């Protein structure tokens, strides 16, 4: 995801101390490359979790409209295939397909899982297909976690910063004024305790293991200056990691947050916050559109993620990208579609991206021209979206790209401490040891 407040990093892959060990799902590099290739194919599969969805939605409509427009004007057709979130994001559907040689031609890819596919040679270099001026149009840092050795292997469609959403009525009943919004972890826990009742939790954080849980936990690690990998060495065993694990652990130990979310999960604000299941909920900018569509009368506010003592404001800039299977049926045609859909610099291309980021969904656009067009249409000029653009965006840091083995070690540490009460010092140390052992033989794209 984009890092508008951070300098661009184009570190290249380093061959020393690294060897491809394969994915956590067991997909070897050979398996990732084994999909049958047929450059004469006239229909391409596009796997995604938006559309065409069995349940009508603006996001589904956007995917349908974009592929329909492409198909009207091109011989090689793109057929979107909808896969539910549970299977695509929290399951192994995509990894299993690539492992068996049946991966899609085009698919959605997050930074968190980028190295699984890039290291396996499954991603097509999209650089030659970008129109003139497109690369420079992306905001600073937006392409970093999709770039290896200066070549772009996926195109971001959005930037999704994280905040805390809160129930305005619950706050009013608890006599919490705007000036009393929690700024520290201790204040947050204290307020969550005050807001917790027999029928409502005071707070909500993700409890399901997966890339999403890691993504929403990373800001709390970064706030205290922590990280996972630096200079081919694990730095996870730190006070920052122990404290971040402990913060989430406290919400469960004190019974301030649920062990499971309702509806679509912890990022689903209409089913949780708006339904009265919790009073505060960590979620992303996408929730603005979700609440407007599904709970238009719900009165809510947002505030930045709370900080540890002495911590610095930071949020994760998540977001998905289009990627092309390098061994798909017709990767050249697939790359042309991706470049047209997300990177076209003409008026129609900019408007297509604007509609995704501010009409079908609410995101921060990853392209300067799209952001400008959105503002000309009234987006980011008032309300919570203005807060995202002016107060939250400057604290953005990209979702890191870690190999599956690094992600899994961190995930196990989060799960073990959050839900099983594992000692945070032990969890951080064990995760760090696993990461260090893996790094001894890792070869692949630079870990950012």
Protein backbone atom coordinates (compact mmCIF):
# COMPACT_ATOMS: atom_id res chain seq x y z
CA UNK A 1 0.00 0.00 0.00
CA UNK A 2 1.02 3.58 -0.36
CA UNK A 3 3.32 5.37 2.07
CA UNK A 4 2.71 9.04 1.26
CA UNK A 5 4.47 10.22 4.40
CA UNK A 6 7.53 8.02 3.91
CA UNK A 7 10.36 8.04 1.41
CA UNK A 8 10.23 5.69 -1.55
CA UNK A 9 12.27 2.50 -1.10
CA UNK A 10 13.35 0.63 -4.20
CA UNK A 11 15.62 -1.88 -2.46
CA UNK A 12 16.37 -4.79 -4.75
CA UNK A 13 16.50 -8.46 -3.93
CA UNK A 14 19.67 -9.64 -2.20
CA UNK A 15 20.89 -13.16 -3.06
CA UNK A 16 22.93 -13.72 0.11
CA UNK A 17 21.52 -15.96 2.85
CA UNK A 18 18.28 -16.59 1.02
CA UNK A 19 16.65 -19.61 -0.64
CA UNK A 20 13.05 -20.10 -1.72
CA UNK A 21 11.38 -22.40 0.79
CA UNK A 22 7.92 -22.32 -0.73
CA UNK A 23 4.69 -20.99 0.64
CA UNK A 24 2.98 -21.74 3.94
CA UNK A 25 0.32 -23.52 1.94
CA UNK A 26 2.96 -25.85 0.52
CA UNK A 27 3.09 -24.35 -2.95
CA UNK A 28 6.56 -24.74 -4.42
CA UNK A 29 8.00 -22.44 -7.05
CA UNK A 30 7.60 -25.20 -9.61
CA UNK A 31 3.95 -25.62 -8.77
CA UNK A 32 3.31 -21.90 -9.01
CA UNK A 33 4.73 -21.96 -12.53
CA UNK A 34 2.91 -25.04 -13.70
CA UNK A 35 -0.32 -23.47 -15.00
CA UNK A 36 -0.90 -24.22 -18.67
CA UNK A 37 -0.14 -21.35 -21.03
CA UNK A 38 -1.98 -20.69 -24.29
CA UNK A 39 -1.34 -17.30 -25.88
CA UNK A 40 -4.24 -17.85 -28.29
CA UNK A 41 -6.84 -17.93 -25.53
CA UNK A 42 -9.71 -15.50 -26.06
CA UNK A 43 -11.18 -15.59 -22.55
CA UNK A 44 -9.40 -14.75 -19.30
CA UNK A 45 -10.51 -15.57 -15.77
CA UNK A 46 -10.43 -12.81 -13.14
CA UNK A 47 -10.79 -14.02 -9.56
CA UNK A 48 -11.93 -11.47 -7.00
CA UNK A 49 -14.17 -11.09 -3.94
CA UNK A 50 -16.27 -8.17 -5.21
CA UNK A 51 -18.25 -9.16 -8.24
CA UNK A 52 -20.38 -10.16 -9.88
CA UNK A 53 -21.70 -10.83 -6.39
CA UNK A 54 -24.95 -12.72 -5.73
CA UNK A 55 -25.82 -9.80 -3.46
CA UNK A 56 -26.03 -6.52 -5.44
CA UNK A 57 -23.59 -3.83 -4.31
CA UNK A 58 -21.81 -0.77 -5.74
CA UNK A 59 -18.48 -2.62 -5.69
CA UNK A 60 -19.94 -5.54 -7.61
CA UNK A 61 -21.48 -3.11 -10.09
CA UNK A 62 -18.08 -1.46 -10.65
CA UNK A 63 -16.36 -4.77 -11.44
CA UNK A 64 -19.15 -5.75 -13.79
CA UNK A 65 -19.13 -2.37 -15.56
CA UNK A 66 -15.35 -2.37 -16.00
CA UNK A 67 -15.15 -5.87 -17.43
CA UNK A 68 -18.22 -5.29 -19.62
CA UNK A 69 -16.65 -2.15 -21.08
CA UNK A 70 -13.42 -3.99 -21.82
CA UNK A 71 -15.27 -6.91 -23.40
CA UNK A 72 -17.24 -4.63 -25.72
CA UNK A 73 -14.04 -3.27 -27.19
CA UNK A 74 -11.63 -6.21 -27.15
CA UNK A 75 -11.43 -9.65 -28.72
CA UNK A 76 -9.91 -11.28 -25.66
CA UNK A 77 -12.66 -11.22 -23.04
CA UNK A 78 -12.29 -10.98 -19.25
CA UNK A 79 -14.69 -13.05 -17.16
CA UNK A 80 -14.78 -12.06 -13.50
CA UNK A 81 -15.35 -14.86 -11.03
CA UNK A 82 -16.69 -13.97 -7.59
CA UNK A 83 -15.20 -15.81 -4.61
CA UNK A 84 -16.53 -15.03 -1.14
CA UNK A 85 -14.24 -13.33 1.37
CA UNK A 86 -14.13 -16.38 3.64
CA UNK A 87 -12.58 -18.46 0.87
CA UNK A 88 -10.47 -15.79 -0.83
CA UNK A 89 -9.08 -13.77 2.08
CA UNK A 90 -9.29 -16.15 5.03
CA UNK A 91 -9.05 -19.40 3.08
CA UNK A 92 -6.55 -21.09 0.77
CA UNK A 93 -8.58 -21.03 -2.43
CA UNK A 94 -6.08 -18.95 -4.39
CA UNK A 95 -2.96 -20.74 -3.10
CA UNK A 96 -4.50 -24.13 -3.77
CA UNK A 97 -5.41 -23.15 -7.33
CA UNK A 98 -1.87 -22.03 -8.11
CA UNK A 99 -0.39 -25.10 -6.45
CA UNK A 100 -2.45 -27.35 -8.71
CA UNK A 101 -1.60 -25.39 -11.85
CA UNK A 102 -5.12 -23.96 -12.17
CA UNK A 103 -4.55 -20.39 -11.04
CA UNK A 104 -6.61 -17.56 -12.56
CA UNK A 105 -5.29 -15.31 -15.32
CA UNK A 106 -5.93 -12.14 -13.28
CA UNK A 107 -6.45 -11.93 -9.53
CA UNK A 108 -6.53 -9.60 -6.54
CA UNK A 109 -3.38 -9.62 -4.42
CA UNK A 110 -2.51 -7.94 -1.11
CA UNK A 111 0.98 -6.76 -0.13
CA UNK A 112 0.93 -9.26 2.72
CA UNK A 113 0.86 -12.20 0.29
CA UNK A 114 2.86 -10.61 -2.55
CA UNK A 115 6.14 -12.47 -1.98
CA UNK A 116 4.46 -15.87 -2.04
CA UNK A 117 3.64 -15.37 -5.70
CA UNK A 118 6.51 -13.12 -6.78
CA UNK A 119 9.18 -15.43 -5.36
CA UNK A 120 7.52 -18.35 -7.09
CA UNK A 121 7.71 -16.60 -10.46
CA UNK A 122 3.93 -16.50 -10.76
CA UNK A 123 3.62 -12.73 -11.34
CA UNK A 124 3.99 -11.07 -14.74
CA UNK A 125 6.08 -7.91 -14.98
CA UNK A 126 3.54 -5.19 -15.75
CA UNK A 127 6.06 -2.40 -16.30
CA UNK A 128 6.09 -2.59 -20.13
CA UNK A 129 2.30 -2.28 -20.28
CA UNK A 130 1.92 0.96 -18.33
CA UNK A 131 0.96 4.01 -20.41
CA UNK A 132 3.37 6.92 -20.52
CA UNK A 133 3.28 8.98 -17.34
CA UNK A 134 1.32 6.38 -15.35
CA UNK A 135 4.13 5.40 -13.02
CA UNK A 136 4.81 9.00 -12.03
CA UNK A 137 1.09 9.50 -11.32
CA UNK A 138 1.15 7.06 -8.38
CA UNK A 139 1.61 8.77 -5.03
CA UNK A 140 4.92 8.36 -3.27
CA UNK A 141 5.37 4.82 -2.00
CA UNK A 142 2.21 3.39 -3.59
CA UNK A 143 4.13 0.99 -5.81
CA UNK A 144 6.95 0.06 -3.42
CA UNK A 145 5.54 -3.18 -2.05
CA UNK A 146 4.66 -4.30 -5.58
CA UNK A 147 8.09 -3.51 -7.05
CA UNK A 148 11.15 -5.77 -7.26
CA UNK A 149 14.39 -4.63 -8.90
CA UNK A 150 12.56 -1.62 -10.29
CA UNK A 151 9.90 -3.72 -12.04
CA UNK A 152 6.20 -3.53 -11.12
CA UNK A 153 4.40 -6.83 -10.56
CA UNK A 154 0.95 -5.64 -9.40
CA UNK A 155 -1.06 -2.43 -9.71
CA UNK A 156 -2.76 -1.03 -6.59
CA UNK A 157 -6.38 0.03 -6.87
CA UNK A 158 -6.72 1.76 -3.48
CA UNK A 159 -5.16 2.80 -0.17
CA UNK A 160 -7.04 1.83 3.00
CA UNK A 161 -5.87 3.47 6.24
CA UNK A 162 -7.10 2.21 9.61
CA UNK A 163 -8.78 4.13 12.47
CA UNK A 164 -11.13 3.51 15.38
CA UNK A 165 -14.84 3.99 14.66
CA UNK A 166 -17.12 4.75 17.58
CA UNK A 167 -20.83 4.83 18.34
CA UNK A 168 -21.76 8.47 18.95
CA UNK A 169 -24.82 7.63 21.04
CA UNK A 170 -22.92 5.23 23.25
CA UNK A 171 -20.31 7.91 23.86
CA UNK A 172 -22.96 10.50 24.68
CA UNK A 173 -24.65 8.17 27.16
CA UNK A 174 -21.27 7.57 28.80
CA UNK A 175 -20.70 11.36 28.87
CA UNK A 176 -17.63 11.11 26.64
CA UNK A 177 -17.05 14.42 24.86
CA UNK A 178 -15.01 14.88 21.70
CA UNK A 179 -12.15 16.26 23.77
CA UNK A 180 -12.15 13.05 25.82
CA UNK A 181 -11.50 10.69 22.90
CA UNK A 182 -8.80 8.23 23.99
CA UNK A 183 -5.30 9.03 22.80
CA UNK A 184 -3.36 6.33 24.65
CA UNK A 185 -3.74 2.58 25.08
CA UNK A 186 -4.49 3.01 28.79
CA UNK A 187 -7.18 5.58 28.05
CA UNK A 188 -8.65 3.31 25.39
CA UNK A 189 -8.81 0.33 27.76
CA UNK A 190 -10.34 2.47 30.48
CA UNK A 191 -13.01 3.80 28.15
CA UNK A 192 -13.70 0.34 26.71
CA UNK A 193 -14.30 -0.88 30.26
CA UNK A 194 -16.73 1.98 30.86
CA UNK A 195 -18.59 1.22 27.62
CA UNK A 196 -18.83 -2.54 28.15
CA UNK A 197 -22.26 -3.70 29.30
CA UNK A 198 -24.12 -6.97 29.53
CA UNK A 199 -25.22 -6.62 25.90
CA UNK A 200 -22.37 -4.66 24.32
CA UNK A 201 -18.58 -4.91 24.17
CA UNK A 202 -16.55 -1.75 24.61
CA UNK A 203 -14.16 -2.50 21.74
CA UNK A 204 -13.42 -4.83 18.84
CA UNK A 205 -10.21 -6.06 17.23
CA UNK A 206 -9.73 -8.92 14.78
CA UNK A 207 -9.47 -12.36 16.36
CA UNK A 208 -9.37 -14.62 13.29
CA UNK A 209 -5.86 -15.61 12.18
CA UNK A 210 -4.93 -14.46 8.70
CA UNK A 211 -3.28 -11.73 6.69
CA UNK A 212 -6.00 -9.28 7.68
CA UNK A 213 -5.37 -9.77 11.40
CA UNK A 214 -1.64 -9.19 10.94
CA UNK A 215 -2.34 -6.11 8.85
CA UNK A 216 -4.56 -4.45 11.47
CA UNK A 217 -2.14 -5.35 14.30
CA UNK A 218 1.04 -3.97 12.67
CA UNK A 219 0.34 -0.29 13.52
CA UNK A 220 0.45 -1.07 17.24
CA UNK A 221 3.84 -2.73 16.73
CA UNK A 222 5.14 0.26 14.75
CA UNK A 223 3.86 2.86 17.21
CA UNK A 224 6.52 1.79 19.70
CA UNK A 225 9.27 1.59 17.09
CA UNK A 226 9.01 -2.18 16.56
CA UNK A 227 9.30 -4.26 13.41
CA UNK A 228 9.86 -7.78 12.17
CA UNK A 229 12.86 -7.87 9.81
CA UNK A 230 15.80 -5.52 9.35
CA UNK A 231 18.95 -6.27 7.34
CA UNK A 232 18.18 -9.99 7.01
CA UNK A 233 17.68 -10.33 10.77
CA UNK A 234 14.61 -10.63 12.96
CA UNK A 235 13.93 -7.67 15.26
CA UNK A 236 10.59 -8.98 16.45
CA UNK A 237 11.76 -9.83 19.97
CA UNK A 238 11.40 -6.30 21.29
CA UNK A 239 9.58 -4.29 23.93
CA UNK A 240 7.43 -2.81 21.15
CA UNK A 241 6.24 -6.26 20.04
CA UNK A 242 5.64 -7.45 23.59
CA UNK A 243 3.66 -4.32 24.42
CA UNK A 244 1.57 -4.49 21.23
CA UNK A 245 0.75 -8.14 21.89
CA UNK A 246 -0.09 -7.24 25.47
CA UNK A 247 -2.44 -4.43 24.46
CA UNK A 248 -4.62 -6.73 22.38
CA UNK A 249 -4.33 -9.41 25.04
CA UNK A 250 -5.74 -7.03 27.65
CA UNK A 251 -8.92 -6.45 25.65
CA UNK A 252 -9.63 -10.17 25.91
CA UNK A 253 -8.37 -10.68 29.47
CA UNK A 254 -10.67 -7.93 30.70
CA UNK A 255 -13.55 -9.16 28.50
CA UNK A 256 -13.74 -5.80 26.72
CA UNK A 257 -13.81 -7.24 23.20
CA UNK A 258 -15.55 -10.27 21.69
CA UNK A 259 -13.77 -13.45 20.66
CA UNK A 260 -15.65 -13.42 17.38
CA UNK A 261 -17.26 -10.74 15.24
CA UNK A 262 -20.69 -10.70 13.63
CA UNK A 263 -21.52 -10.50 9.94
CA UNK A 264 -18.50 -10.16 7.68
CA UNK A 265 -16.00 -9.95 10.52
CA UNK A 266 -14.14 -7.28 12.44
CA UNK A 267 -13.95 -4.99 9.40
CA UNK A 268 -17.73 -5.05 9.01
CA UNK A 269 -18.96 -1.99 10.91
CA UNK A 270 -22.67 -2.17 10.01
CA UNK A 271 -22.97 -5.68 11.51
CA UNK A 272 -21.00 -4.88 14.65
CA UNK A 273 -20.69 -1.20 15.59
CA UNK A 274 -23.96 -0.03 14.05
CA UNK A 275 -25.79 -3.08 15.38
CA UNK A 276 -24.77 -2.24 18.95
CA UNK A 277 -22.49 -5.26 19.37
CA UNK A 278 -19.55 -3.00 20.28
CA UNK A 279 -19.00 0.69 21.01
CA UNK A 280 -15.57 1.06 19.38
CA UNK A 281 -14.26 -0.90 16.42
CA UNK A 282 -10.99 -0.86 14.54
CA UNK A 283 -11.68 -0.74 10.82
CA UNK A 284 -10.60 0.99 7.63
CA UNK A 285 -11.72 3.80 5.38
CA UNK A 286 -13.96 1.38 3.46
CA UNK A 287 -16.36 1.46 6.42
CA UNK A 288 -17.46 4.98 5.47
CA UNK A 289 -19.14 3.63 2.34
CA UNK A 290 -20.42 0.53 4.15
CA UNK A 291 -22.14 2.59 6.84
CA UNK A 292 -23.60 5.03 4.34
CA UNK A 293 -25.08 2.18 2.33
CA UNK A 294 -26.17 -0.22 5.09
CA UNK A 295 -26.75 2.00 8.13
CA UNK A 296 -27.35 5.53 6.79
CA UNK A 297 -28.98 6.80 10.00
CA UNK A 298 -26.24 5.52 12.30
CA UNK A 299 -24.38 8.34 14.07
CA UNK A 300 -20.67 7.62 14.35
CA UNK A 301 -17.27 9.24 14.56
CA UNK A 302 -13.63 8.24 14.08
CA UNK A 303 -10.37 8.87 15.86
CA UNK A 304 -6.73 7.83 15.24
CA UNK A 305 -5.45 4.57 16.65
CA UNK A 306 -4.48 5.06 20.32
CA UNK A 307 -0.78 5.13 21.21
CA UNK A 308 1.46 3.54 23.82
CA UNK A 309 3.28 5.88 26.16
CA UNK A 310 5.86 7.73 24.10
CA UNK A 311 4.60 6.21 20.86
CA UNK A 312 4.26 7.95 17.52
CA UNK A 313 1.08 8.13 15.38
CA UNK A 314 1.07 5.57 12.57
CA UNK A 315 -1.54 3.61 10.69
CA UNK A 316 -1.31 0.88 8.09
CA UNK A 317 -2.16 1.73 4.51
CA UNK A 318 -3.79 -1.40 3.23
CA UNK A 319 -5.31 -2.02 -0.17
CA UNK A 320 -5.55 -4.59 -2.95
CA UNK A 321 -3.95 -4.74 -6.37
CA UNK A 322 -4.57 -6.41 -9.72
CA UNK A 323 -1.95 -9.04 -10.61
CA UNK A 324 -1.42 -11.19 -13.70
CA UNK A 325 -0.53 -14.88 -13.74
CA UNK A 326 2.75 -15.09 -15.68
CA UNK A 327 1.82 -18.62 -16.82
CA UNK A 328 -1.82 -17.91 -17.53
CA UNK A 329 -3.62 -18.50 -20.81
CA UNK A 330 -2.72 -15.12 -22.31
CA UNK A 331 -0.66 -13.01 -19.90
CA UNK A 332 -0.03 -10.25 -22.44
CA UNK A 333 -3.74 -9.62 -22.94
CA UNK A 334 -4.30 -9.87 -19.19
CA UNK A 335 -1.61 -7.23 -18.58
CA UNK A 336 -3.21 -4.90 -21.12
CA UNK A 337 -6.52 -5.22 -19.31
CA UNK A 338 -4.96 -4.49 -15.90
CA UNK A 339 -3.08 -1.45 -17.22
CA UNK A 340 -6.23 -0.14 -18.91
CA UNK A 341 -8.45 -0.75 -15.89
CA UNK A 342 -6.22 0.86 -13.25
CA UNK A 343 -3.47 2.94 -14.87
CA UNK A 344 -5.02 4.61 -17.92
CA UNK A 345 -4.17 8.32 -17.88
CA UNK A 346 -6.93 9.59 -20.18
CA UNK A 347 -10.07 11.21 -18.76
CA UNK A 348 -12.04 7.96 -18.90
CA UNK A 349 -9.29 6.06 -17.09
CA UNK A 350 -9.01 8.63 -14.32
CA UNK A 351 -12.78 8.70 -13.88
CA UNK A 352 -12.91 4.90 -13.77
CA UNK A 353 -10.45 4.91 -10.87
CA UNK A 354 -12.26 7.81 -9.20
CA UNK A 355 -15.52 5.91 -9.20
CA UNK A 356 -13.90 2.92 -7.53
CA UNK A 357 -12.28 4.99 -4.79
CA UNK A 358 -15.12 7.38 -3.98
CA UNK A 359 -18.39 6.04 -5.42
CA UNK A 360 -18.35 2.25 -5.37
CA UNK A 361 -16.15 2.26 -2.27
CA UNK A 362 -14.36 4.77 -0.05
CA UNK A 363 -10.54 4.69 -0.22
CA UNK A 364 -7.66 7.07 -0.61
CA UNK A 365 -6.77 6.98 -4.33
CA UNK A 366 -3.25 5.70 -5.05
CA UNK A 367 -2.89 8.10 -8.01
CA UNK A 368 -2.49 11.88 -7.86
CA UNK A 369 -4.73 12.54 -10.85
CA UNK A 370 -7.50 10.41 -9.36
CA UNK A 371 -7.25 12.18 -6.01
CA UNK A 372 -7.53 15.55 -7.80
CA UNK A 373 -10.55 14.41 -9.81
CA UNK A 374 -12.18 13.07 -6.65
CA UNK A 375 -11.72 16.40 -4.89
CA UNK A 376 -13.23 18.20 -7.89
CA UNK A 377 -16.31 16.01 -7.39
CA UNK A 378 -16.51 16.98 -3.71
CA UNK A 379 -14.75 14.01 -2.10
CA UNK A 380 -12.38 14.51 0.86
CA UNK A 381 -13.60 18.07 1.43
CA UNK A 382 -15.77 17.48 4.51
CA UNK A 383 -16.76 14.98 7.18
CA UNK A 384 -14.84 11.85 8.09
CA UNK A 385 -13.30 11.52 4.62
CA UNK A 386 -11.67 14.91 5.09
CA UNK A 387 -10.31 13.65 8.41
CA UNK A 388 -8.86 10.62 6.65
CA UNK A 389 -7.27 12.79 3.95
CA UNK A 390 -5.85 15.51 6.19
CA UNK A 391 -5.17 13.87 9.57
CA UNK A 392 -4.83 10.13 9.01
CA UNK A 393 -3.08 10.01 5.63
CA UNK A 394 0.12 11.75 6.85
CA UNK A 395 0.63 8.89 9.34
CA UNK A 396 0.37 6.13 6.73
CA UNK A 397 2.87 3.31 6.50
CA UNK A 398 2.59 0.57 3.90
CA UNK A 399 1.34 -2.85 4.81
CA UNK A 400 4.58 -4.87 4.86
CA UNK A 401 5.32 -7.67 2.45
CA UNK A 402 6.67 -10.67 4.30
CA UNK A 403 7.22 -14.23 3.07
CA UNK A 404 4.53 -16.63 4.33
CA UNK A 405 6.89 -18.05 6.96
CA UNK A 406 7.44 -14.63 8.55
CA UNK A 407 3.75 -13.79 8.42
CA UNK A 408 2.87 -17.13 10.06
CA UNK A 409 5.32 -16.66 12.94
CA UNK A 410 3.80 -13.26 13.72
CA UNK A 411 0.27 -14.60 13.32
CA UNK A 412 0.95 -17.39 15.80
CA UNK A 413 2.31 -14.85 18.30
CA UNK A 414 -0.83 -12.71 17.99
CA UNK A 415 -3.15 -15.69 18.31
CA UNK A 416 -1.30 -17.25 21.20
CA UNK A 417 -1.28 -14.11 23.30
CA UNK A 418 -4.65 -12.66 22.33
CA UNK A 419 -6.85 -15.72 22.75
CA UNK A 420 -4.80 -18.27 24.69
CA UNK A 421 -3.18 -16.02 27.25
CA UNK A 422 0.36 -16.95 26.24
CA UNK A 423 3.14 -14.93 27.86
CA UNK A 424 4.01 -12.04 25.54
CA UNK A 425 7.76 -12.30 26.17
CA UNK A 426 7.78 -15.97 25.26
CA UNK A 427 5.60 -15.41 22.19
CA UNK A 428 7.79 -12.62 20.84
CA UNK A 429 10.98 -14.58 21.47
CA UNK A 430 9.68 -17.76 19.83
CA UNK A 431 8.40 -15.86 16.78
CA UNK A 432 11.71 -14.05 16.44
CA UNK A 433 13.65 -17.33 16.58
CA UNK A 434 11.46 -18.83 13.85
CA UNK A 435 11.92 -15.78 11.66
CA UNK A 436 15.71 -15.79 12.16
CA UNK A 437 15.97 -19.47 11.28
CA UNK A 438 13.96 -18.89 8.12
CA UNK A 439 16.04 -15.89 7.06
CA UNK A 440 19.24 -17.96 7.14
CA UNK A 441 18.27 -19.61 3.87
CA UNK A 442 15.79 -17.18 2.32
CA UNK A 443 16.26 -16.04 -1.25
CA UNK A 444 13.66 -13.85 -2.86
CA UNK A 445 12.30 -10.34 -3.17
CA UNK A 446 13.43 -7.84 -0.59
CA UNK A 447 11.39 -7.89 2.62
CA UNK A 448 9.75 -4.49 3.09
